[in-house]
PDB file of N, CA and C in Angstrom:
ATOM      1  N   UNK A   1       6.072  -7.167  13.606  1.00  0.00           N
ATOM      2  CA  UNK A   1       7.222  -6.666  12.855  1.00  0.00           C
ATOM      3  C   UNK A   1       7.786  -5.351  12.754  1.00  0.00           C
ATOM      4  N   UNK A   2       9.126  -5.153  12.505  1.00  0.00           N
ATOM      5  CA  UNK A   2       9.690  -3.845  12.653  1.00  0.00           C
ATOM      6  C   UNK A   2       9.479  -3.206  12.301  1.00  0.00           C
ATOM      7  N   UNK A   3       9.630  -1.531  11.314  1.00  0.00           N
ATOM      8  CA  UNK A   3       9.547  -1.269  10.335  1.00  0.00           C
ATOM      9  C   UNK A   3      10.591  -0.024  10.529  1.00  0.00           C
ATOM     10  N   UNK A   4      10.733   0.544   8.903  1.00  0.00           N
ATOM     11  CA  UNK A   4      11.679   1.495   8.792  1.00  0.00           C
ATOM     12  C   UNK A   4      10.541   2.236   7.946  1.00  0.00           C
ATOM     13  N   UNK A   5      10.998   3.734   8.805  1.00  0.00           N
ATOM     14  CA  UNK A   5      10.569   4.738   7.839  1.00  0.00           C
ATOM     15  C   UNK A   5      10.990   5.140   6.695  1.00  0.00           C
ATOM     16  N   UNK A   6      10.768   5.432   5.531  1.00  0.00           N
ATOM     17  CA  UNK A   6      11.390   6.491   4.510  1.00  0.00           C
ATOM     18  C   UNK A   6      10.979   7.486   4.221  1.00  0.00           C
ATOM     19  N   UNK A   7      10.777   8.415   4.578  1.00  0.00           N
ATOM     20  CA  UNK A   7      10.096   9.888   3.905  1.00  0.00           C
ATOM     21  C   UNK A   7      10.243  10.547   2.516  1.00  0.00           C
ATOM     22  N   UNK A   8       9.407  10.396   2.192  1.00  0.00           N
ATOM     23  CA  UNK A   8       9.071  10.573   0.659  1.00  0.00           C
ATOM     24  C   UNK A   8       8.033  11.754  -0.064  1.00  0.00           C
ATOM     25  N   UNK A   9       7.907  12.472  -0.565  1.00  0.00           N
ATOM     26  CA  UNK A   9       7.440  13.875  -0.924  1.00  0.00           C
ATOM     27  C   UNK A   9       5.907  13.079  -0.669  1.00  0.00           C
ATOM     28  N   UNK A  10       4.900  13.909   0.202  1.00  0.00           N
ATOM     29  CA  UNK A  10       3.779  14.170  -0.297  1.00  0.00           C
ATOM     30  C   UNK A  10       3.048  14.705  -1.426  1.00  0.00           C
ATOM     31  N   UNK A  11       2.924  14.295  -2.775  1.00  0.00           N
ATOM     32  CA  UNK A  11       2.344  15.392  -3.941  1.00  0.00           C
ATOM     33  C   UNK A  11       1.661  13.695  -4.377  1.00  0.00           C
ATOM     34  N   UNK A  12       0.072  14.444  -5.256  1.00  0.00           N
ATOM     35  CA  UNK A  12      -0.332  13.939  -5.601  1.00  0.00           C
ATOM     36  C   UNK A  12       0.532  13.324  -6.909  1.00  0.00           C
ATOM     37  N   UNK A  13      -0.494  12.153  -7.017  1.00  0.00           N
ATOM     38  CA  UNK A  13      -0.213  11.471  -8.320  1.00  0.00           C
ATOM     39  C   UNK A  13       0.427  10.187  -7.474  1.00  0.00           C
ATOM     40  N   UNK A  14       1.412   8.858  -8.578  1.00  0.00           N
ATOM     41  CA  UNK A  14       1.982   7.728  -7.942  1.00  0.00           C
ATOM     42  C   UNK A  14       3.457   7.672  -8.157  1.00  0.00           C
ATOM     43  N   UNK A  15       4.130   7.130  -7.070  1.00  0.00           N
ATOM     44  CA  UNK A  15       5.581   7.119  -7.497  1.00  0.00           C
ATOM     45  C   UNK A  15       5.569   5.653  -6.959  1.00  0.00           C
ATOM     46  N   UNK A  16       6.093   5.083  -8.107  1.00  0.00           N
ATOM     47  CA  UNK A  16       6.798   3.584  -7.676  1.00  0.00           C
ATOM     48  C   UNK A  16       8.230   3.365  -7.199  1.00  0.00           C
ATOM     49  N   UNK A  17       8.624   2.197  -6.232  1.00  0.00           N
ATOM     50  CA  UNK A  17       9.674   2.152  -5.610  1.00  0.00           C
ATOM     51  C   UNK A  17       9.806   0.682  -5.771  1.00  0.00           C
ATOM     52  N   UNK A  18      11.346   0.498  -6.097  1.00  0.00           N
ATOM     53  CA  UNK A  18      11.573  -0.804  -5.927  1.00  0.00           C
ATOM     54  C   UNK A  18      12.693  -0.646  -4.768  1.00  0.00           C
ATOM     55  N   UNK A  19      12.914  -1.492  -4.149  1.00  0.00           N
ATOM     56  CA  UNK A  19      13.263  -1.529  -2.614  1.00  0.00           C
ATOM     57  C   UNK A  19      13.946  -2.978  -2.574  1.00  0.00           C
ATOM     58  N   UNK A  20      15.082  -3.360  -2.609  1.00  0.00           N
ATOM     59  CA  UNK A  20      16.150  -3.944  -2.451  1.00  0.00           C
ATOM     60  C   UNK A  20      16.434  -4.387  -0.944  1.00  0.00           C
ATOM     61  N   UNK A  21      16.433  -5.310  -0.103  1.00  0.00           N
ATOM     62  CA  UNK A  21      17.223  -5.578   1.178  1.00  0.00           C
ATOM     63  C   UNK A  21      17.886  -6.560   1.128  1.00  0.00           C
ATOM     64  N   UNK A  22      18.768  -7.047   2.281  1.00  0.00           N
ATOM     65  CA  UNK A  22      19.941  -7.319   2.969  1.00  0.00           C
ATOM     66  C   UNK A  22      19.108  -8.162   4.239  1.00  0.00           C
ATOM     67  N   UNK A  23      18.730  -8.991   4.393  1.00  0.00           N
ATOM     68  CA  UNK A  23      18.321  -8.990   6.283  1.00  0.00           C
ATOM     69  C   UNK A  23      19.443 -10.526   6.223  1.00  0.00           C
ATOM     70  N   UNK A  24      19.842 -10.324   7.326  1.00  0.00           N
ATOM     71  CA  UNK A  24      20.719 -11.710   7.549  1.00  0.00           C
ATOM     72  C   UNK A  24      21.131 -12.712   6.327  1.00  0.00           C
ATOM     73  N   UNK A  25      21.448 -11.874   5.450  1.00  0.00           N
ATOM     74  CA  UNK A  25      22.178 -12.264   4.334  1.00  0.00           C
ATOM     75  C   UNK A  25      21.409 -12.560   3.142  1.00  0.00           C
ATOM     76  N   UNK A  26      20.193 -13.016   3.608  1.00  0.00           N
ATOM     77  CA  UNK A  26      19.158 -13.230   2.432  1.00  0.00           C
ATOM     78  C   UNK A  26      19.027 -11.915   2.139  1.00  0.00           C
ATOM     79  N   UNK A  27      18.550 -11.854   0.350  1.00  0.00           N
ATOM     80  CA  UNK A  27      18.176 -10.536   0.232  1.00  0.00           C
ATOM     81  C   UNK A  27      17.011 -10.991  -0.672  1.00  0.00           C
ATOM     82  N   UNK A  28      16.179  -9.630  -0.508  1.00  0.00           N
ATOM     83  CA  UNK A  28      14.836  -9.506  -0.729  1.00  0.00           C
ATOM     84  C   UNK A  28      14.604  -8.255  -1.373  1.00  0.00           C
ATOM     85  N   UNK A  29      13.646  -8.183  -3.060  1.00  0.00           N
ATOM     86  CA  UNK A  29      13.578  -6.831  -3.633  1.00  0.00           C
ATOM     87  C   UNK A  29      12.389  -7.127  -4.007  1.00  0.00           C
ATOM     88  N   UNK A  30      11.838  -5.336  -3.296  1.00  0.00           N
ATOM     89  CA  UNK A  30      10.396  -5.440  -3.049  1.00  0.00           C
ATOM     90  C   UNK A  30       9.650  -4.342  -3.692  1.00  0.00           C
ATOM     91  N   UNK A  31       8.682  -4.170  -4.562  1.00  0.00           N
ATOM     92  CA  UNK A  31       7.793  -3.218  -4.923  1.00  0.00           C
ATOM     93  C   UNK A  31       7.350  -2.441  -4.538  1.00  0.00           C
ATOM     94  N   UNK A  32       7.109  -1.695  -4.395  1.00  0.00           N
ATOM     95  CA  UNK A  32       5.704  -0.764  -3.533  1.00  0.00           C
ATOM     96  C   UNK A  32       5.487   0.605  -4.533  1.00  0.00           C
ATOM     97  N   UNK A  33       4.332   0.839  -4.463  1.00  0.00           N
ATOM     98  CA  UNK A  33       3.616   2.037  -4.984  1.00  0.00           C
ATOM     99  C   UNK A  33       2.967   3.048  -3.713  1.00  0.00           C
ATOM    100  N   UNK A  34       3.021   4.375  -4.027  1.00  0.00           N
ATOM    101  CA  UNK A  34       2.703   5.030  -3.179  1.00  0.00           C
ATOM    102  C   UNK A  34       2.201   6.027  -3.906  1.00  0.00           C
ATOM    103  N   UNK A  35       0.534   6.390  -3.971  1.00  0.00           N
ATOM    104  CA  UNK A  35      -0.235   7.103  -4.768  1.00  0.00           C
ATOM    105  C   UNK A  35      -0.912   7.753  -4.072  1.00  0.00           C
ATOM    106  N   UNK A  36      -1.794   9.137  -3.765  1.00  0.00           N
ATOM    107  CA  UNK A  36      -1.763  10.157  -3.153  1.00  0.00           C
ATOM    108  C   UNK A  36      -3.250  10.073  -4.037  1.00  0.00           C
ATOM    109  N   UNK A  37      -4.249   9.905  -3.223  1.00  0.00           N
ATOM    110  CA  UNK A  37      -5.290  10.803  -3.697  1.00  0.00           C
ATOM    111  C   UNK A  37      -5.645  11.820  -2.978  1.00  0.00           C
ATOM    112  N   UNK A  38      -6.698  12.385  -4.067  1.00  0.00           N
ATOM    113  CA  UNK A  38      -7.559  13.468  -3.380  1.00  0.00           C
ATOM    114  C   UNK A  38      -8.987  13.395  -3.456  1.00  0.00           C
ATOM    115  N   UNK A  39      -9.190  14.025  -1.714  1.00  0.00           N
ATOM    116  CA  UNK A  39     -10.511  12.962  -1.029  1.00  0.00           C
ATOM    117  C   UNK A  39     -11.905  13.636  -2.518  1.00  0.00           C
ATOM    118  N   UNK A  40     -11.514  14.698  -3.191  1.00  0.00           N
ATOM    119  CA  UNK A  40     -12.205  15.060  -4.237  1.00  0.00           C
ATOM    120  C   UNK A  40     -12.400  14.251  -5.220  1.00  0.00           C
ATOM    121  N   UNK A  41     -11.844  13.260  -5.553  1.00  0.00           N
ATOM    122  CA  UNK A  41     -12.157  12.204  -6.190  1.00  0.00           C
ATOM    123  C   UNK A  41     -13.106  11.152  -6.032  1.00  0.00           C
ATOM    124  N   UNK A  42     -13.121  10.825  -4.730  1.00  0.00           N
ATOM    125  CA  UNK A  42     -14.109  10.294  -4.197  1.00  0.00           C
ATOM    126  C   UNK A  42     -15.698  10.371  -5.173  1.00  0.00           C
ATOM    127  N   UNK A  43     -16.008   9.042  -5.509  1.00  0.00           N
ATOM    128  CA  UNK A  43     -17.407   9.961  -6.600  1.00  0.00           C
ATOM    129  C   UNK A  43     -18.805   9.622  -5.472  1.00  0.00           C
ATOM    130  N   UNK A  44     -18.216   8.475  -3.995  1.00  0.00           N
ATOM    131  CA  UNK A  44     -19.068   8.006  -3.311  1.00  0.00           C
ATOM    132  C   UNK A  44     -19.302   8.954  -2.120  1.00  0.00           C
ATOM    133  N   UNK A  45     -20.953   9.594  -2.243  1.00  0.00           N
ATOM    134  CA  UNK A  45     -21.220  10.639  -0.817  1.00  0.00           C
ATOM    135  C   UNK A  45     -21.300   9.556  -0.095  1.00  0.00           C
ATOM    136  N   UNK A  46     -20.441   9.465   0.973  1.00  0.00           N
ATOM    137  CA  UNK A  46     -20.552   9.373   2.397  1.00  0.00           C
ATOM    138  C   UNK A  46     -19.588  10.033   3.406  1.00  0.00           C
ATOM    139  N   UNK A  47     -20.188   9.964   4.882  1.00  0.00           N
ATOM    140  CA  UNK A  47     -19.166  10.616   5.632  1.00  0.00           C
ATOM    141  C   UNK A  47     -18.119   9.418   5.942  1.00  0.00           C
ATOM    142  N   UNK A  48     -18.431   8.325   5.537  1.00  0.00           N
ATOM    143  CA  UNK A  48     -17.258   7.063   6.268  1.00  0.00           C
ATOM    144  C   UNK A  48     -16.123   7.478   5.316  1.00  0.00           C
ATOM    145  N   UNK A  49     -14.873   7.431   5.987  1.00  0.00           N
ATOM    146  CA  UNK A  49     -13.714   7.630   4.514  1.00  0.00           C
ATOM    147  C   UNK A  49     -13.382   6.144   3.860  1.00  0.00           C
ATOM    148  N   UNK A  50     -13.264   5.266   4.600  1.00  0.00           N
ATOM    149  CA  UNK A  50     -13.405   4.101   4.401  1.00  0.00           C
ATOM    150  C   UNK A  50     -13.844   3.727   2.941  1.00  0.00           C
ATOM    151  N   UNK A  51     -15.304   4.471   3.305  1.00  0.00           N
ATOM    152  CA  UNK A  51     -15.941   3.816   1.479  1.00  0.00           C
ATOM    153  C   UNK A  51     -15.616   4.629   0.881  1.00  0.00           C
ATOM    154  N   UNK A  52     -14.919   5.842   1.072  1.00  0.00           N
ATOM    155  CA  UNK A  52     -14.647   6.383  -0.249  1.00  0.00           C
ATOM    156  C   UNK A  52     -13.246   6.163  -0.023  1.00  0.00           C
ATOM    157  N   UNK A  53     -12.441   5.337   0.563  1.00  0.00           N
ATOM    158  CA  UNK A  53     -10.822   4.981   0.194  1.00  0.00           C
ATOM    159  C   UNK A  53     -11.490   3.469  -0.890  1.00  0.00           C
ATOM    160  N   UNK A  54     -12.691   2.997  -0.492  1.00  0.00           N
ATOM    161  CA  UNK A  54     -13.075   1.398  -1.573  1.00  0.00           C
ATOM    162  C   UNK A  54     -12.852   1.953  -2.560  1.00  0.00           C
ATOM    163  N   UNK A  55     -13.619   3.271  -2.653  1.00  0.00           N
ATOM    164  CA  UNK A  55     -14.494   3.475  -4.157  1.00  0.00           C
ATOM    165  C   UNK A  55     -12.983   4.615  -5.035  1.00  0.00           C
ATOM    166  N   UNK A  56     -12.318   4.714  -4.422  1.00  0.00           N
ATOM    167  CA  UNK A  56     -11.023   5.549  -5.143  1.00  0.00           C
ATOM    168  C   UNK A  56     -10.224   4.106  -5.239  1.00  0.00           C
ATOM    169  N   UNK A  57     -10.181   3.146  -5.053  1.00  0.00           N
ATOM    170  CA  UNK A  57      -9.337   2.075  -5.284  1.00  0.00           C
ATOM    171  C   UNK A  57      -9.975   0.864  -6.272  1.00  0.00           C
ATOM    172  N   UNK A  58     -11.561   1.116  -6.325  1.00  0.00           N
ATOM    173  CA  UNK A  58     -12.562   0.341  -7.139  1.00  0.00           C
ATOM    174  C   UNK A  58     -11.808  -0.240  -8.388  1.00  0.00           C
ATOM    175  N   UNK A  59     -11.348  -1.121  -9.207  1.00  0.00           N
ATOM    176  CA  UNK A  59     -11.061  -1.392 -10.876  1.00  0.00           C
ATOM    177  C   UNK A  59      -9.405  -1.089 -10.556  1.00  0.00           C
ATOM    178  N   UNK A  60      -8.908  -0.650  -9.241  1.00  0.00           N
ATOM    179  CA  UNK A  60      -7.120  -0.383  -9.630  1.00  0.00           C
ATOM    180  C   UNK A  60      -6.697  -1.958 -10.460  1.00  0.00           C
ATOM    181  N   UNK A  61      -5.566  -1.783 -10.623  1.00  0.00           N
ATOM    182  CA  UNK A  61      -5.159  -2.851 -11.139  1.00  0.00           C
ATOM    183  C   UNK A  61      -5.235  -4.027 -10.578  1.00  0.00           C
ATOM    184  N   UNK A  62      -4.984  -5.432 -10.716  1.00  0.00           N
ATOM    185  CA  UNK A  62      -4.972  -6.758  -9.725  1.00  0.00           C
ATOM    186  C   UNK A  62      -2.889  -6.866  -9.510  1.00  0.00           C
ATOM    187  N   UNK A  63      -2.316  -6.291 -10.212  1.00  0.00           N
ATOM    188  CA  UNK A  63      -0.934  -6.636  -9.656  1.00  0.00           C
ATOM    189  C   UNK A  63      -1.317  -5.818  -7.981  1.00  0.00           C
ATOM    190  N   UNK A  64      -1.655  -5.549  -7.663  1.00  0.00           N
ATOM    191  CA  UNK A  64      -1.160  -4.391  -6.515  1.00  0.00           C
ATOM    192  C   UNK A  64      -1.986  -4.630  -5.758  1.00  0.00           C
ATOM    193  N   UNK A  65      -2.224  -4.446  -4.266  1.00  0.00           N
ATOM    194  CA  UNK A  65      -2.879  -4.484  -2.909  1.00  0.00           C
ATOM    195  C   UNK A  65      -2.422  -3.443  -2.013  1.00  0.00           C
ATOM    196  N   UNK A  66      -3.651  -2.712  -1.448  1.00  0.00           N
ATOM    197  CA  UNK A  66      -3.274  -1.966  -0.508  1.00  0.00           C
ATOM    198  C   UNK A  66      -2.339  -2.191   0.882  1.00  0.00           C
ATOM    199  N   UNK A  67      -1.541  -1.888   1.216  1.00  0.00           N
ATOM    200  CA  UNK A  67      -0.217  -2.200   1.652  1.00  0.00           C
ATOM    201  C   UNK A  67      -0.658  -1.419   3.063  1.00  0.00           C
ATOM    202  N   UNK A  68      -0.680   0.017   2.976  1.00  0.00           N
ATOM    203  CA  UNK A  68      -0.692   0.636   3.824  1.00  0.00           C
ATOM    204  C   UNK A  68      -1.195   2.240   3.890  1.00  0.00           C
ATOM    205  N   UNK A  69      -2.426   2.456   4.771  1.00  0.00           N
ATOM    206  CA  UNK A  69      -3.383   3.741   4.901  1.00  0.00           C
ATOM    207  C   UNK A  69      -2.380   4.596   5.703  1.00  0.00           C
ATOM    208  N   UNK A  70      -1.524   5.776   4.462  1.00  0.00           N
ATOM    209  CA  UNK A  70      -1.193   6.801   5.587  1.00  0.00           C
ATOM    210  C   UNK A  70      -2.088   7.695   5.872  1.00  0.00           C
ATOM    211  N   UNK A  71      -1.608   8.838   6.607  1.00  0.00           N
ATOM    212  CA  UNK A  71      -2.060   9.861   7.769  1.00  0.00           C
ATOM    213  C   UNK A  71      -2.914  10.562   6.597  1.00  0.00           C
ATOM    214  N   UNK A  72      -4.268  10.681   6.439  1.00  0.00           N
ATOM    215  CA  UNK A  72      -5.004  11.517   5.976  1.00  0.00           C
ATOM    216  C   UNK A  72      -4.859  12.809   6.171  1.00  0.00           C
ATOM    217  N   UNK A  73      -5.073  14.227   4.829  1.00  0.00           N
ATOM    218  CA  UNK A  73      -5.042  15.636   5.265  1.00  0.00           C
ATOM    219  C   UNK A  73      -6.567  15.933   5.408  1.00  0.00           C
ATOM    220  N   UNK A  74      -6.833  17.268   5.095  1.00  0.00           N
ATOM    221  CA  UNK A  74      -7.904  17.290   4.748  1.00  0.00           C
ATOM    222  C   UNK A  74      -8.625  17.544   3.063  1.00  0.00           C
ATOM    223  N   UNK A  75      -7.318  17.341   2.793  1.00  0.00           N
ATOM    224  CA  UNK A  75      -7.382  17.066   1.175  1.00  0.00           C
ATOM    225  C   UNK A  75      -7.156  15.690  -0.116  1.00  0.00           C
ATOM    226  N   UNK A  76      -5.413  15.141   0.765  1.00  0.00           N
ATOM    227  CA  UNK A  76      -5.354  14.143   0.528  1.00  0.00           C
ATOM    228  C   UNK A  76      -5.454  12.631   1.663  1.00  0.00           C
ATOM    229  N   UNK A  77      -5.143  11.769   0.849  1.00  0.00           N
ATOM    230  CA  UNK A  77      -4.883  10.561   1.402  1.00  0.00           C
ATOM    231  C   UNK A  77      -4.045   9.964   0.501  1.00  0.00           C
ATOM    232  N   UNK A  78      -2.717   9.530   1.028  1.00  0.00           N
ATOM    233  CA  UNK A  78      -1.708   8.335   0.789  1.00  0.00           C
ATOM    234  C   UNK A  78      -2.249   7.248   1.259  1.00  0.00           C
ATOM    235  N   UNK A  79      -1.704   6.130  -0.496  1.00  0.00           N
ATOM    236  CA  UNK A  79      -2.170   4.929   0.202  1.00  0.00           C
ATOM    237  C   UNK A  79      -1.012   4.341  -0.491  1.00  0.00           C
ATOM    238  N   UNK A  80      -0.715   3.435   0.070  1.00  0.00           N
ATOM    239  CA  UNK A  80       1.247   2.447  -0.331  1.00  0.00           C
ATOM    240  C   UNK A  80       0.483   1.051  -0.164  1.00  0.00           C
ATOM    241  N   UNK A  81       0.841   0.726  -1.643  1.00  0.00           N
ATOM    242  CA  UNK A  81       0.536  -0.827  -2.421  1.00  0.00           C
ATOM    243  C   UNK A  81       1.317  -1.476  -2.331  1.00  0.00           C
ATOM    244  N   UNK A  82       1.536  -2.889  -2.473  1.00  0.00           N
ATOM    245  CA  UNK A  82       2.448  -4.029  -3.109  1.00  0.00           C
ATOM    246  C   UNK A  82       2.366  -4.346  -3.599  1.00  0.00           C
ATOM    247  N   UNK A  83       3.173  -5.141  -4.291  1.00  0.00           N
ATOM    248  CA  UNK A  83       3.274  -6.057  -5.628  1.00  0.00           C
ATOM    249  C   UNK A  83       2.711  -7.297  -4.953  1.00  0.00           C
ATOM    250  N   UNK A  84       1.838  -7.539  -5.748  1.00  0.00           N
ATOM    251  CA  UNK A  84       0.665  -8.948  -5.313  1.00  0.00           C
ATOM    252  C   UNK A  84       2.044 -10.038  -4.747  1.00  0.00           C
ATOM    253  N   UNK A  85       2.271 -10.568  -5.515  1.00  0.00           N
ATOM    254  CA  UNK A  85       3.246 -11.592  -5.206  1.00  0.00           C
ATOM    255  C   UNK A  85       4.367 -11.306  -4.421  1.00  0.00           C
ATOM    256  N   UNK A  86       4.586  -9.654  -4.064  1.00  0.00           N
ATOM    257  CA  UNK A  86       5.958  -9.069  -3.374  1.00  0.00           C
ATOM    258  C   UNK A  86       5.227  -9.236  -1.891  1.00  0.00           C
ATOM    259  N   UNK A  87       4.130  -9.410  -2.081  1.00  0.00           N
ATOM    260  CA  UNK A  87       3.168  -9.112  -0.485  1.00  0.00           C
ATOM    261  C   UNK A  87       3.497 -10.887   0.075  1.00  0.00           C
ATOM    262  N   UNK A  88       3.166 -11.659  -0.428  1.00  0.00           N
ATOM    263  CA  UNK A  88       3.295 -13.254  -0.622  1.00  0.00           C
ATOM    264  C   UNK A  88       4.681 -13.353   0.096  1.00  0.00           C
ATOM    265  N   UNK A  89       5.856 -13.426  -0.699  1.00  0.00           N
ATOM    266  CA  UNK A  89       7.310 -13.219  -0.605  1.00  0.00           C
ATOM    267  C   UNK A  89       7.782 -12.810   0.955  1.00  0.00           C
ATOM    268  N   UNK A  90       7.149 -11.531   1.244  1.00  0.00           N
ATOM    269  CA  UNK A  90       7.820 -10.654   2.356  1.00  0.00           C
ATOM    270  C   UNK A  90       6.962 -11.332   3.169  1.00  0.00           C
ATOM    271  N   UNK A  91       5.815 -11.417   3.170  1.00  0.00           N
ATOM    272  CA  UNK A  91       5.105 -12.577   4.426  1.00  0.00           C
ATOM    273  C   UNK A  91       5.980 -13.858   4.907  1.00  0.00           C
ATOM    274  N   UNK A  92       6.251 -14.658   3.857  1.00  0.00           N
ATOM    275  CA  UNK A  92       6.985 -15.749   3.457  1.00  0.00           C
ATOM    276  C   UNK A  92       8.822 -15.156   4.381  1.00  0.00           C
ATOM    277  N   UNK A  93       8.999 -14.926   4.236  1.00  0.00           N
ATOM    278  CA  UNK A  93      10.173 -13.709   4.665  1.00  0.00           C
ATOM    279  C   UNK A  93      10.440 -13.866   6.278  1.00  0.00           C
ATOM    280  N   UNK A  94       9.297 -13.323   6.243  1.00  0.00           N
ATOM    281  CA  UNK A  94       9.468 -12.345   7.715  1.00  0.00           C
ATOM    282  C   UNK A  94       8.413 -13.616   8.553  1.00  0.00           C
ATOM    283  N   UNK A  95       7.638 -14.476   8.353  1.00  0.00           N
ATOM    284  CA  UNK A  95       7.249 -15.213   9.265  1.00  0.00           C
ATOM    285  C   UNK A  95       7.136 -16.220   9.130  1.00  0.00           C
ATOM    286  N   UNK A  96       7.796 -16.786   8.029  1.00  0.00           N
ATOM    287  CA  UNK A  96       8.094 -18.310   7.797  1.00  0.00           C
ATOM    288  C   UNK A  96       6.997 -18.860   7.062  1.00  0.00           C
ATOM    289  N   UNK A  97       5.951 -18.355   6.506  1.00  0.00           N
ATOM    290  CA  UNK A  97       4.611 -19.024   6.532  1.00  0.00           C
ATOM    291  C   UNK A  97       4.136 -18.733   5.159  1.00  0.00           C
ATOM    292  N   UNK A  98       2.750 -19.055   4.381  1.00  0.00           N
ATOM    293  CA  UNK A  98       2.650 -18.804   3.909  1.00  0.00           C
ATOM    294  C   UNK A  98       1.271 -17.522   3.936  1.00  0.00           C
ATOM    295  N   UNK A  99       1.080 -16.253   3.205  1.00  0.00           N
ATOM    296  CA  UNK A  99      -0.164 -15.317   3.730  1.00  0.00           C
ATOM    297  C   UNK A  99      -1.151 -15.372   3.189  1.00  0.00           C
ATOM    298  N   UNK A 100      -2.361 -16.000   4.175  1.00  0.00           N
ATOM    299  CA  UNK A 100      -3.485 -16.157   3.627  1.00  0.00           C
ATOM    300  C   UNK A 100      -4.491 -14.672   3.511  1.00  0.00           C
ATOM    301  N   UNK A 101      -4.096 -13.712   3.583  1.00  0.00           N
ATOM    302  CA  UNK A 101      -5.091 -12.865   3.990  1.00  0.00           C
ATOM    303  C   UNK A 101      -4.673 -11.754   3.577  1.00  0.00           C
ATOM    304  N   UNK A 102      -5.594 -10.718   2.644  1.00  0.00           N
ATOM    305  CA  UNK A 102      -4.909  -9.584   2.299  1.00  0.00           C
ATOM    306  C   UNK A 102      -4.416  -8.487   2.827  1.00  0.00           C
ATOM    307  N   UNK A 103      -3.490  -7.708   2.556  1.00  0.00           N
ATOM    308  CA  UNK A 103      -2.689  -7.154   3.573  1.00  0.00           C
ATOM    309  C   UNK A 103      -3.081  -5.974   4.150  1.00  0.00           C
ATOM    310  N   UNK A 104      -4.410  -5.197   3.923  1.00  0.00           N
ATOM    311  CA  UNK A 104      -5.172  -4.685   4.619  1.00  0.00           C
ATOM    312  C   UNK A 104      -6.469  -4.941   4.920  1.00  0.00           C
ATOM    313  N   UNK A 105      -7.244  -5.653   4.101  1.00  0.00           N
ATOM    314  CA  UNK A 105      -8.900  -6.881   4.492  1.00  0.00           C
ATOM    315  C   UNK A 105      -9.836  -5.150   4.264  1.00  0.00           C
ATOM    316  N   UNK A 106      -9.500  -4.882   3.293  1.00  0.00           N
ATOM    317  CA  UNK A 106     -10.911  -4.034   2.834  1.00  0.00           C
ATOM    318  C   UNK A 106     -11.675  -4.303   2.025  1.00  0.00           C
ATOM    319  N   UNK A 107     -11.512  -5.777   1.766  1.00  0.00           N
ATOM    320  CA  UNK A 107     -12.554  -6.429   1.293  1.00  0.00           C
ATOM    321  C   UNK A 107     -13.990  -6.548   1.779  1.00  0.00           C
TER     322      UNK A 107
END
């Protein structure tokens, strides 16, 4: 799959995006959320940052799932979420079939 990168500010907090695309005459509206977490927010004591990310998103809204884990810095980790229904629609639109697997498989 090809990717289109859109630079956004890397600031702590939550940023919601609604993107409407037209590809080969078909429109698709997708909802993303980029949230920049501070590593210090991780309550789990572990050297494994994947465990820390699991801890950070534990209890996160069930309407969203992790779509992309951005490049971590010393103090922050940016996570991109996609609305669950949008993930299925995007997968069907691009690959022409059902999305059986979670976006990032962190379960």
